[in-house]
């Protein structure tokens, strides 16, 4: 496997702003195949067994209604060899991650994110490691749209340089879909640093630091937005977190892509994870 290195501009952007992008990481033909895999699953009558419902669920039982019903397929990628071998255990993505993580790479989380036309709800401002609450500050994240991500259909937004903050305690508002950064604090950060809109074409990728403050607005357009994402880590970081992740799988060992399917699971710790306290509820 050839060694990938960021350009000087990409390296500086990751260090100063907390993210960088790459164009054409996967082909448009492959993206079309992966969209088909995901949409086929969403149309199944039992899709709700493994998909997270969107707050703006249209509650229609037509095929179109079922596609518009969900916001996320968490841990689905380990069920699809086409997605797994081309993305999470694909040599292209692992080669990039290897620069940051070394020769042994663990896929900590894998997801498909869905933002259907007209019904895709907002994802609130948050830090990824604020959701995990395991002390991890060094994991490497990527997100690849399988169709164009634009301002109109709810592309991600980053607050540049926000990755340099500490991990902020997340809270719940009456309309929160999960823990989010305090809204007043977010506004103060935006006023100080501004916002970058991460518009990407099909098959592009964005890579960001786990402490980055990010958000995506509702999709009020007639264009859907499907993306595949992952959180990658290595054994050293994984051990330092002190928690087990039941869905963690091996992506690379000793610089070689792991070819197994189903993917090889990372052994769990002997001690069970201590329970996480609920996020505190606050008034808006």
C-alpha atoms as a PDB file:
ATOM      1  CA  UNK A   1       0.000   0.000   0.000  1.00  0.00           C
ATOM      2  CA  UNK A   2       1.379   3.391  -0.987  1.00  0.00           C
ATOM      3  CA  UNK A   3       1.863   5.918   1.799  1.00  0.00           C
ATOM      4  CA  UNK A   4      -0.542   8.864   1.618  1.00  0.00           C
ATOM      5  CA  UNK A   5       0.437  12.263   2.980  1.00  0.00           C
ATOM      6  CA  UNK A   6      -1.567  15.482   3.161  1.00  0.00           C
ATOM      7  CA  UNK A   7      -0.473  18.472   1.181  1.00  0.00           C
ATOM      8  CA  UNK A   8       1.019  21.320   3.166  1.00  0.00           C
ATOM      9  CA  UNK A   9      -2.255  23.226   2.810  1.00  0.00           C
ATOM     10  CA  UNK A  10      -4.314  20.259   4.062  1.00  0.00           C
ATOM     11  CA  UNK A  11      -1.987  19.703   6.998  1.00  0.00           C
ATOM     12  CA  UNK A  12      -2.105  23.360   8.000  1.00  0.00           C
ATOM     13  CA  UNK A  13      -5.896  23.481   7.652  1.00  0.00           C
ATOM     14  CA  UNK A  14      -6.344  20.384   9.819  1.00  0.00           C
ATOM     15  CA  UNK A  15      -4.073  21.825  12.483  1.00  0.00           C
ATOM     16  CA  UNK A  16      -5.486  25.366  12.455  1.00  0.00           C
ATOM     17  CA  UNK A  17      -9.136  24.880  11.503  1.00  0.00           C
ATOM     18  CA  UNK A  18      -9.715  21.247  12.501  1.00  0.00           C
ATOM     19  CA  UNK A  19     -10.653  19.721   9.136  1.00  0.00           C
ATOM     20  CA  UNK A  20      -9.730  19.279   5.484  1.00  0.00           C
ATOM     21  CA  UNK A  21     -11.455  17.943   2.375  1.00  0.00           C
ATOM     22  CA  UNK A  22     -10.466  15.672  -0.506  1.00  0.00           C
ATOM     23  CA  UNK A  23     -12.197  15.457  -3.864  1.00  0.00           C
ATOM     24  CA  UNK A  24     -13.214  12.249  -5.668  1.00  0.00           C
ATOM     25  CA  UNK A  25     -12.281   9.844  -2.900  1.00  0.00           C
ATOM     26  CA  UNK A  26     -14.745   7.336  -4.353  1.00  0.00           C
ATOM     27  CA  UNK A  27     -16.183   7.256  -7.871  1.00  0.00           C
ATOM     28  CA  UNK A  28     -19.695   8.397  -8.740  1.00  0.00           C
ATOM     29  CA  UNK A  29     -20.458   4.888 -10.020  1.00  0.00           C
ATOM     30  CA  UNK A  30     -19.551   3.355  -6.668  1.00  0.00           C
ATOM     31  CA  UNK A  31     -21.558   6.053  -4.865  1.00  0.00           C
ATOM     32  CA  UNK A  32     -24.613   5.132  -6.963  1.00  0.00           C
ATOM     33  CA  UNK A  33     -24.237   1.468  -6.008  1.00  0.00           C
ATOM     34  CA  UNK A  34     -23.955   2.338  -2.313  1.00  0.00           C
ATOM     35  CA  UNK A  35     -27.029   4.604  -2.496  1.00  0.00           C
ATOM     36  CA  UNK A  36     -28.944   1.665  -3.928  1.00  0.00           C
ATOM     37  CA  UNK A  37     -27.885  -0.609  -1.067  1.00  0.00           C
ATOM     38  CA  UNK A  38     -28.994   1.937   1.531  1.00  0.00           C
ATOM     39  CA  UNK A  39     -32.300   2.877  -0.116  1.00  0.00           C
ATOM     40  CA  UNK A  40     -33.205  -0.783  -0.585  1.00  0.00           C
ATOM     41  CA  UNK A  41     -32.811  -1.364   3.163  1.00  0.00           C
ATOM     42  CA  UNK A  42     -34.875   1.719   4.013  1.00  0.00           C
ATOM     43  CA  UNK A  43     -37.779   0.403   1.934  1.00  0.00           C
ATOM     44  CA  UNK A  44     -37.960  -2.884   3.839  1.00  0.00           C
ATOM     45  CA  UNK A  45     -41.008  -3.253   6.127  1.00  0.00           C
ATOM     46  CA  UNK A  46     -38.735  -3.916   9.126  1.00  0.00           C
ATOM     47  CA  UNK A  47     -36.280  -1.058   8.461  1.00  0.00           C
ATOM     48  CA  UNK A  48     -37.211   0.530  11.787  1.00  0.00           C
ATOM     49  CA  UNK A  49     -35.499  -2.328  13.610  1.00  0.00           C
ATOM     50  CA  UNK A  50     -32.069  -0.905  12.783  1.00  0.00           C
ATOM     51  CA  UNK A  51     -32.689   2.704  11.690  1.00  0.00           C
ATOM     52  CA  UNK A  52     -33.207   5.849  13.754  1.00  0.00           C
ATOM     53  CA  UNK A  53     -36.433   7.666  12.999  1.00  0.00           C
ATOM     54  CA  UNK A  54     -36.271  11.263  11.791  1.00  0.00           C
ATOM     55  CA  UNK A  55     -38.144  13.799  13.965  1.00  0.00           C
ATOM     56  CA  UNK A  56     -39.914  14.949  10.785  1.00  0.00           C
ATOM     57  CA  UNK A  57     -41.085  11.404   9.910  1.00  0.00           C
ATOM     58  CA  UNK A  58     -43.942  11.778   7.356  1.00  0.00           C
ATOM     59  CA  UNK A  59     -45.522   8.552   8.697  1.00  0.00           C
ATOM     60  CA  UNK A  60     -46.473   7.323   5.237  1.00  0.00           C
ATOM     61  CA  UNK A  61     -46.264   3.613   4.486  1.00  0.00           C
ATOM     62  CA  UNK A  62     -45.504   4.082   0.794  1.00  0.00           C
ATOM     63  CA  UNK A  63     -41.975   3.254  -0.455  1.00  0.00           C
ATOM     64  CA  UNK A  64     -41.288   6.982  -0.727  1.00  0.00           C
ATOM     65  CA  UNK A  65     -42.592   7.531   2.786  1.00  0.00           C
ATOM     66  CA  UNK A  66     -40.363   4.822   4.225  1.00  0.00           C
ATOM     67  CA  UNK A  67     -37.291   6.323   2.553  1.00  0.00           C
ATOM     68  CA  UNK A  68     -38.170   9.693   4.121  1.00  0.00           C
ATOM     69  CA  UNK A  69     -38.742   8.195   7.559  1.00  0.00           C
ATOM     70  CA  UNK A  70     -35.221   7.686   8.856  1.00  0.00           C
ATOM     71  CA  UNK A  71     -32.233   9.857   9.763  1.00  0.00           C
ATOM     72  CA  UNK A  72     -29.504   7.302  10.445  1.00  0.00           C
ATOM     73  CA  UNK A  73     -28.444   3.700   9.976  1.00  0.00           C
ATOM     74  CA  UNK A  74     -26.079   3.156  12.891  1.00  0.00           C
ATOM     75  CA  UNK A  75     -23.660   0.226  12.655  1.00  0.00           C
ATOM     76  CA  UNK A  76     -25.279  -0.832   9.372  1.00  0.00           C
ATOM     77  CA  UNK A  77     -22.063  -0.812   7.367  1.00  0.00           C
ATOM     78  CA  UNK A  78     -20.802  -4.006   9.014  1.00  0.00           C
ATOM     79  CA  UNK A  79     -23.891  -5.712   7.511  1.00  0.00           C
ATOM     80  CA  UNK A  80     -23.060  -4.659   3.948  1.00  0.00           C
ATOM     81  CA  UNK A  81     -19.900  -6.085   2.355  1.00  0.00           C
ATOM     82  CA  UNK A  82     -20.142  -3.600  -0.532  1.00  0.00           C
ATOM     83  CA  UNK A  83     -20.004  -0.646   1.887  1.00  0.00           C
ATOM     84  CA  UNK A  84     -17.515  -2.204   4.291  1.00  0.00           C
ATOM     85  CA  UNK A  85     -14.897  -3.304   1.752  1.00  0.00           C
ATOM     86  CA  UNK A  86     -15.082  -0.083  -0.273  1.00  0.00           C
ATOM     87  CA  UNK A  87     -15.311   2.451   2.550  1.00  0.00           C
ATOM     88  CA  UNK A  88     -14.492   1.445   6.145  1.00  0.00           C
ATOM     89  CA  UNK A  89     -12.067  -1.319   5.209  1.00  0.00           C
ATOM     90  CA  UNK A  90     -11.293   0.154   1.819  1.00  0.00           C
ATOM     91  CA  UNK A  91      -7.611   0.794   1.069  1.00  0.00           C
ATOM     92  CA  UNK A  92      -8.204   4.394  -0.012  1.00  0.00           C
ATOM     93  CA  UNK A  93      -9.739   5.577   3.268  1.00  0.00           C
ATOM     94  CA  UNK A  94      -7.515   3.444   5.474  1.00  0.00           C
ATOM     95  CA  UNK A  95      -4.424   4.730   3.684  1.00  0.00           C
ATOM     96  CA  UNK A  96      -5.451   8.300   4.562  1.00  0.00           C
ATOM     97  CA  UNK A  97      -6.260   7.397   8.151  1.00  0.00           C
ATOM     98  CA  UNK A  98      -2.943   5.566   8.472  1.00  0.00           C
ATOM     99  CA  UNK A  99      -1.082   8.882   8.270  1.00  0.00           C
ATOM    100  CA  UNK A 100      -2.867  10.047  11.433  1.00  0.00           C
ATOM    101  CA  UNK A 101      -3.340   6.775  13.340  1.00  0.00           C
ATOM    102  CA  UNK A 102      -0.529   4.431  12.339  1.00  0.00           C
ATOM    103  CA  UNK A 103      -0.553   0.861  11.041  1.00  0.00           C
ATOM    104  CA  UNK A 104      -3.270  -0.545  13.330  1.00  0.00           C
ATOM    105  CA  UNK A 105      -6.727   0.948  12.792  1.00  0.00           C
ATOM    106  CA  UNK A 106      -9.993   0.238  14.562  1.00  0.00           C
ATOM    107  CA  UNK A 107     -13.371   1.290  13.146  1.00  0.00           C
ATOM    108  CA  UNK A 108     -14.947   2.610  16.337  1.00  0.00           C
ATOM    109  CA  UNK A 109     -18.281   3.697  14.821  1.00  0.00           C
ATOM    110  CA  UNK A 110     -19.835   3.345  11.369  1.00  0.00           C
ATOM    111  CA  UNK A 111     -23.027   4.981  10.119  1.00  0.00           C
ATOM    112  CA  UNK A 112     -25.100   6.030   7.143  1.00  0.00           C
ATOM    113  CA  UNK A 113     -26.597   9.500   7.579  1.00  0.00           C
ATOM    114  CA  UNK A 114     -29.840  10.324   5.805  1.00  0.00           C
ATOM    115  CA  UNK A 115     -31.388  13.710   5.156  1.00  0.00           C
ATOM    116  CA  UNK A 116     -34.414  13.142   2.891  1.00  0.00           C
ATOM    117  CA  UNK A 117     -35.813  15.887   0.687  1.00  0.00           C
ATOM    118  CA  UNK A 118     -38.233  18.171   2.563  1.00  0.00           C
ATOM    119  CA  UNK A 119     -38.259  16.012   5.716  1.00  0.00           C
ATOM    120  CA  UNK A 120     -34.626  15.766   6.796  1.00  0.00           C
ATOM    121  CA  UNK A 121     -34.340  17.353  10.235  1.00  0.00           C
ATOM    122  CA  UNK A 122     -31.460  19.340  11.705  1.00  0.00           C
ATOM    123  CA  UNK A 123     -28.587  17.735  13.592  1.00  0.00           C
ATOM    124  CA  UNK A 124     -27.760  20.089  16.481  1.00  0.00           C
ATOM    125  CA  UNK A 125     -24.383  21.666  17.209  1.00  0.00           C
ATOM    126  CA  UNK A 126     -22.188  19.156  19.026  1.00  0.00           C
ATOM    127  CA  UNK A 127     -18.713  17.720  19.462  1.00  0.00           C
ATOM    128  CA  UNK A 128     -18.492  14.037  18.637  1.00  0.00           C
ATOM    129  CA  UNK A 129     -16.419  13.245  21.714  1.00  0.00           C
ATOM    130  CA  UNK A 130     -18.977  15.185  23.767  1.00  0.00           C
ATOM    131  CA  UNK A 131     -21.517  12.557  22.732  1.00  0.00           C
ATOM    132  CA  UNK A 132     -19.160   9.631  23.413  1.00  0.00           C
ATOM    133  CA  UNK A 133     -18.080  10.904  26.856  1.00  0.00           C
ATOM    134  CA  UNK A 134     -15.107   8.550  26.963  1.00  0.00           C
ATOM    135  CA  UNK A 135     -12.302  11.131  27.076  1.00  0.00           C
ATOM    136  CA  UNK A 136     -11.197  10.378  23.509  1.00  0.00           C
ATOM    137  CA  UNK A 137      -9.775  13.443  21.764  1.00  0.00           C
ATOM    138  CA  UNK A 138      -7.665  11.811  19.057  1.00  0.00           C
ATOM    139  CA  UNK A 139     -10.003   9.732  16.867  1.00  0.00           C
ATOM    140  CA  UNK A 140     -10.131  10.487  13.153  1.00  0.00           C
ATOM    141  CA  UNK A 141     -13.503  11.102  11.490  1.00  0.00           C
ATOM    142  CA  UNK A 142     -14.606  11.073   7.874  1.00  0.00           C
ATOM    143  CA  UNK A 143     -17.898  11.730   6.068  1.00  0.00           C
ATOM    144  CA  UNK A 144     -18.541  10.984   2.372  1.00  0.00           C
ATOM    145  CA  UNK A 145     -21.694  12.161   0.578  1.00  0.00           C
ATOM    146  CA  UNK A 146     -23.188   9.715  -1.923  1.00  0.00           C
ATOM    147  CA  UNK A 147     -25.002  12.612  -3.580  1.00  0.00           C
ATOM    148  CA  UNK A 148     -24.136  16.321  -3.531  1.00  0.00           C
ATOM    149  CA  UNK A 149     -24.174  18.012  -0.107  1.00  0.00           C
ATOM    150  CA  UNK A 150     -25.105  21.666  -0.544  1.00  0.00           C
ATOM    151  CA  UNK A 151     -26.322  24.558   1.570  1.00  0.00           C
ATOM    152  CA  UNK A 152     -29.798  23.961   0.149  1.00  0.00           C
ATOM    153  CA  UNK A 153     -30.060  20.318   1.266  1.00  0.00           C
ATOM    154  CA  UNK A 154     -28.377  20.683   4.651  1.00  0.00           C
ATOM    155  CA  UNK A 155     -24.616  20.305   4.265  1.00  0.00           C
ATOM    156  CA  UNK A 156     -22.543  20.209   7.435  1.00  0.00           C
ATOM    157  CA  UNK A 157     -21.331  23.399   9.053  1.00  0.00           C
ATOM    158  CA  UNK A 158     -18.131  23.728  11.085  1.00  0.00           C
ATOM    159  CA  UNK A 159     -16.941  26.456  13.410  1.00  0.00           C
ATOM    160  CA  UNK A 160     -13.285  26.732  12.341  1.00  0.00           C
ATOM    161  CA  UNK A 161     -10.685  26.255  15.069  1.00  0.00           C
ATOM    162  CA  UNK A 162     -13.344  25.079  17.545  1.00  0.00           C
ATOM    163  CA  UNK A 163     -11.441  21.787  17.818  1.00  0.00           C
ATOM    164  CA  UNK A 164      -8.963  23.626  20.048  1.00  0.00           C
ATOM    165  CA  UNK A 165     -11.538  23.936  22.830  1.00  0.00           C
ATOM    166  CA  UNK A 166     -11.931  21.454  25.631  1.00  0.00           C
ATOM    167  CA  UNK A 167     -14.729  18.895  25.494  1.00  0.00           C
ATOM    168  CA  UNK A 168     -17.868  20.837  26.427  1.00  0.00           C
ATOM    169  CA  UNK A 169     -20.652  19.212  28.462  1.00  0.00           C
ATOM    170  CA  UNK A 170     -23.662  18.686  26.204  1.00  0.00           C
ATOM    171  CA  UNK A 171     -27.237  19.384  27.263  1.00  0.00           C
ATOM    172  CA  UNK A 172     -30.775  18.578  26.143  1.00  0.00           C
ATOM    173  CA  UNK A 173     -33.403  21.124  25.152  1.00  0.00           C
ATOM    174  CA  UNK A 174     -37.096  20.239  24.772  1.00  0.00           C
ATOM    175  CA  UNK A 175     -36.596  19.806  21.002  1.00  0.00           C
ATOM    176  CA  UNK A 176     -33.147  18.118  21.075  1.00  0.00           C
ATOM    177  CA  UNK A 177     -32.684  14.866  19.164  1.00  0.00           C
ATOM    178  CA  UNK A 178     -29.506  14.163  21.166  1.00  0.00           C
ATOM    179  CA  UNK A 179     -27.069  15.987  23.414  1.00  0.00           C
ATOM    180  CA  UNK A 180     -25.997  19.349  22.017  1.00  0.00           C
ATOM    181  CA  UNK A 181     -23.726  22.236  22.849  1.00  0.00           C
ATOM    182  CA  UNK A 182     -25.326  25.044  24.899  1.00  0.00           C
ATOM    183  CA  UNK A 183     -26.982  27.297  22.317  1.00  0.00           C
ATOM    184  CA  UNK A 184     -25.815  30.562  23.852  1.00  0.00           C
ATOM    185  CA  UNK A 185     -22.221  29.300  23.833  1.00  0.00           C
ATOM    186  CA  UNK A 186     -22.562  28.259  20.182  1.00  0.00           C
ATOM    187  CA  UNK A 187     -23.705  31.746  19.207  1.00  0.00           C
ATOM    188  CA  UNK A 188     -20.739  33.268  21.009  1.00  0.00           C
ATOM    189  CA  UNK A 189     -18.355  30.935  19.143  1.00  0.00           C
ATOM    190  CA  UNK A 190     -19.957  31.745  15.789  1.00  0.00           C
ATOM    191  CA  UNK A 191     -19.654  35.465  16.450  1.00  0.00           C
ATOM    192  CA  UNK A 192     -15.962  34.950  17.225  1.00  0.00           C
ATOM    193  CA  UNK A 193     -14.938  32.439  14.528  1.00  0.00           C
ATOM    194  CA  UNK A 194     -17.708  32.386  11.918  1.00  0.00           C
ATOM    195  CA  UNK A 195     -19.052  29.275  10.166  1.00  0.00           C
ATOM    196  CA  UNK A 196     -17.725  27.214   7.255  1.00  0.00           C
ATOM    197  CA  UNK A 197     -20.305  25.472   5.028  1.00  0.00           C
ATOM    198  CA  UNK A 198     -18.897  22.118   3.924  1.00  0.00           C
ATOM    199  CA  UNK A 199     -20.336  21.757   0.430  1.00  0.00           C
ATOM    200  CA  UNK A 200     -19.171  18.550  -1.238  1.00  0.00           C
ATOM    201  CA  UNK A 201     -19.863  16.727  -4.488  1.00  0.00           C
ATOM    202  CA  UNK A 202     -20.689  13.038  -4.761  1.00  0.00           C
ATOM    203  CA  UNK A 203     -17.707  10.963  -3.623  1.00  0.00           C
ATOM    204  CA  UNK A 204     -15.788  13.802  -1.969  1.00  0.00           C
ATOM    205  CA  UNK A 205     -14.790  13.466   1.690  1.00  0.00           C
ATOM    206  CA  UNK A 206     -14.327  15.677   4.711  1.00  0.00           C
ATOM    207  CA  UNK A 207     -12.048  14.657   7.586  1.00  0.00           C
ATOM    208  CA  UNK A 208     -12.293  16.392  10.947  1.00  0.00           C
ATOM    209  CA  UNK A 209     -11.063  16.398  14.517  1.00  0.00           C
ATOM    210  CA  UNK A 210     -13.374  14.808  17.088  1.00  0.00           C
ATOM    211  CA  UNK A 211     -13.532  18.035  19.116  1.00  0.00           C
ATOM    212  CA  UNK A 212     -14.824  20.077  16.148  1.00  0.00           C
ATOM    213  CA  UNK A 213     -18.108  21.917  16.757  1.00  0.00           C
ATOM    214  CA  UNK A 214     -20.416  20.965  13.880  1.00  0.00           C
ATOM    215  CA  UNK A 215     -24.053  21.033  12.802  1.00  0.00           C
ATOM    216  CA  UNK A 216     -26.298  20.398   9.810  1.00  0.00           C
ATOM    217  CA  UNK A 217     -29.547  22.302   9.159  1.00  0.00           C
ATOM    218  CA  UNK A 218     -32.867  20.838   7.967  1.00  0.00           C
ATOM    219  CA  UNK A 219     -33.206  19.787   4.348  1.00  0.00           C
ATOM    220  CA  UNK A 220     -35.939  21.998   2.927  1.00  0.00           C
ATOM    221  CA  UNK A 221     -34.983  21.328  -0.691  1.00  0.00           C
ATOM    222  CA  UNK A 222     -36.251  18.701  -3.136  1.00  0.00           C
ATOM    223  CA  UNK A 223     -32.814  17.019  -3.165  1.00  0.00           C
ATOM    224  CA  UNK A 224     -32.023  14.208  -0.727  1.00  0.00           C
ATOM    225  CA  UNK A 225     -28.660  13.798   0.977  1.00  0.00           C
ATOM    226  CA  UNK A 226     -27.189  10.415   1.892  1.00  0.00           C
ATOM    227  CA  UNK A 227     -23.701  10.026   3.355  1.00  0.00           C
ATOM    228  CA  UNK A 228     -21.465   7.371   4.886  1.00  0.00           C
ATOM    229  CA  UNK A 229     -19.377   8.173   7.944  1.00  0.00           C
ATOM    230  CA  UNK A 230     -16.910   6.567  10.303  1.00  0.00           C
ATOM    231  CA  UNK A 231     -14.881   7.170  13.431  1.00  0.00           C
ATOM    232  CA  UNK A 232     -11.456   5.529  13.269  1.00  0.00           C
ATOM    233  CA  UNK A 233      -9.059   5.019  16.148  1.00  0.00           C
ATOM    234  CA  UNK A 234      -6.068   2.853  17.077  1.00  0.00           C
ATOM    235  CA  UNK A 235      -5.337   0.420  19.933  1.00  0.00           C
ATOM    236  CA  UNK A 236      -3.411   2.982  22.000  1.00  0.00           C
ATOM    237  CA  UNK A 237      -6.221   5.546  21.913  1.00  0.00           C
ATOM    238  CA  UNK A 238      -8.804   2.814  22.418  1.00  0.00           C
ATOM    239  CA  UNK A 239      -7.085   1.569  25.569  1.00  0.00           C
ATOM    240  CA  UNK A 240      -6.815   5.075  26.990  1.00  0.00           C
ATOM    241  CA  UNK A 241     -10.576   5.642  26.802  1.00  0.00           C
ATOM    242  CA  UNK A 242     -11.264   3.010  29.445  1.00  0.00           C
ATOM    243  CA  UNK A 243     -14.480   1.897  27.719  1.00  0.00           C
ATOM    244  CA  UNK A 244     -15.442  -0.954  25.415  1.00  0.00           C
ATOM    245  CA  UNK A 245     -17.282  -0.281  22.177  1.00  0.00           C
ATOM    246  CA  UNK A 246     -19.413  -3.286  21.244  1.00  0.00           C
ATOM    247  CA  UNK A 247     -19.450  -2.446  17.536  1.00  0.00           C
ATOM    248  CA  UNK A 248     -15.703  -1.764  17.152  1.00  0.00           C
ATOM    249  CA  UNK A 249     -14.101  -3.740  14.298  1.00  0.00           C
ATOM    250  CA  UNK A 250     -10.596  -4.105  12.904  1.00  0.00           C
ATOM    251  CA  UNK A 251      -9.928  -2.223   9.667  1.00  0.00           C
ATOM    252  CA  UNK A 252      -6.140  -2.561   9.433  1.00  0.00           C
ATOM    253  CA  UNK A 253      -3.452  -4.559  11.223  1.00  0.00           C
ATOM    254  CA  UNK A 254       0.282  -4.029  10.775  1.00  0.00           C
ATOM    255  CA  UNK A 255      -0.337  -1.824   7.762  1.00  0.00           C
ATOM    256  CA  UNK A 256      -2.469  -4.437   5.962  1.00  0.00           C
ATOM    257  CA  UNK A 257      -6.181  -4.060   5.239  1.00  0.00           C
ATOM    258  CA  UNK A 258      -8.240  -6.659   7.120  1.00  0.00           C
ATOM    259  CA  UNK A 259     -10.139  -8.665   4.462  1.00  0.00           C
ATOM    260  CA  UNK A 260     -12.562 -10.536   6.725  1.00  0.00           C
ATOM    261  CA  UNK A 261     -16.310 -10.311   6.416  1.00  0.00           C
ATOM    262  CA  UNK A 262     -18.077 -10.156   8.734  1.00  0.00           C
ATOM    263  CA  UNK A 263     -15.356  -7.873  10.109  1.00  0.00           C
ATOM    264  CA  UNK A 264     -13.235  -9.066  13.011  1.00  0.00           C
ATOM    265  CA  UNK A 265     -14.502  -7.675  16.311  1.00  0.00           C
ATOM    266  CA  UNK A 266     -12.192  -5.878  18.724  1.00  0.00           C
ATOM    267  CA  UNK A 267     -12.187  -7.824  22.032  1.00  0.00           C
ATOM    268  CA  UNK A 268     -14.248  -6.274  24.783  1.00  0.00           C
ATOM    269  CA  UNK A 269     -12.745  -5.437  28.136  1.00  0.00           C
ATOM    270  CA  UNK A 270     -13.352  -7.770  31.053  1.00  0.00           C
ATOM    271  CA  UNK A 271     -15.056  -5.057  33.066  1.00  0.00           C
ATOM    272  CA  UNK A 272     -18.428  -3.726  31.843  1.00  0.00           C
ATOM    273  CA  UNK A 273     -18.693  -0.092  30.930  1.00  0.00           C
ATOM    274  CA  UNK A 274     -19.838   2.164  33.761  1.00  0.00           C
ATOM    275  CA  UNK A 275     -23.248   3.691  32.952  1.00  0.00           C
ATOM    276  CA  UNK A 276     -23.312   7.156  31.444  1.00  0.00           C
ATOM    277  CA  UNK A 277     -25.360   9.815  33.173  1.00  0.00           C
ATOM    278  CA  UNK A 278     -28.172  11.349  31.089  1.00  0.00           C
ATOM    279  CA  UNK A 279     -27.451  14.728  29.544  1.00  0.00           C
ATOM    280  CA  UNK A 280     -28.906  17.491  31.746  1.00  0.00           C
ATOM    281  CA  UNK A 281     -32.105  19.101  30.506  1.00  0.00           C
ATOM    282  CA  UNK A 282     -32.263  22.876  30.174  1.00  0.00           C
ATOM    283  CA  UNK A 283     -34.807  25.418  28.967  1.00  0.00           C
ATOM    284  CA  UNK A 284     -34.190  27.101  25.640  1.00  0.00           C
END
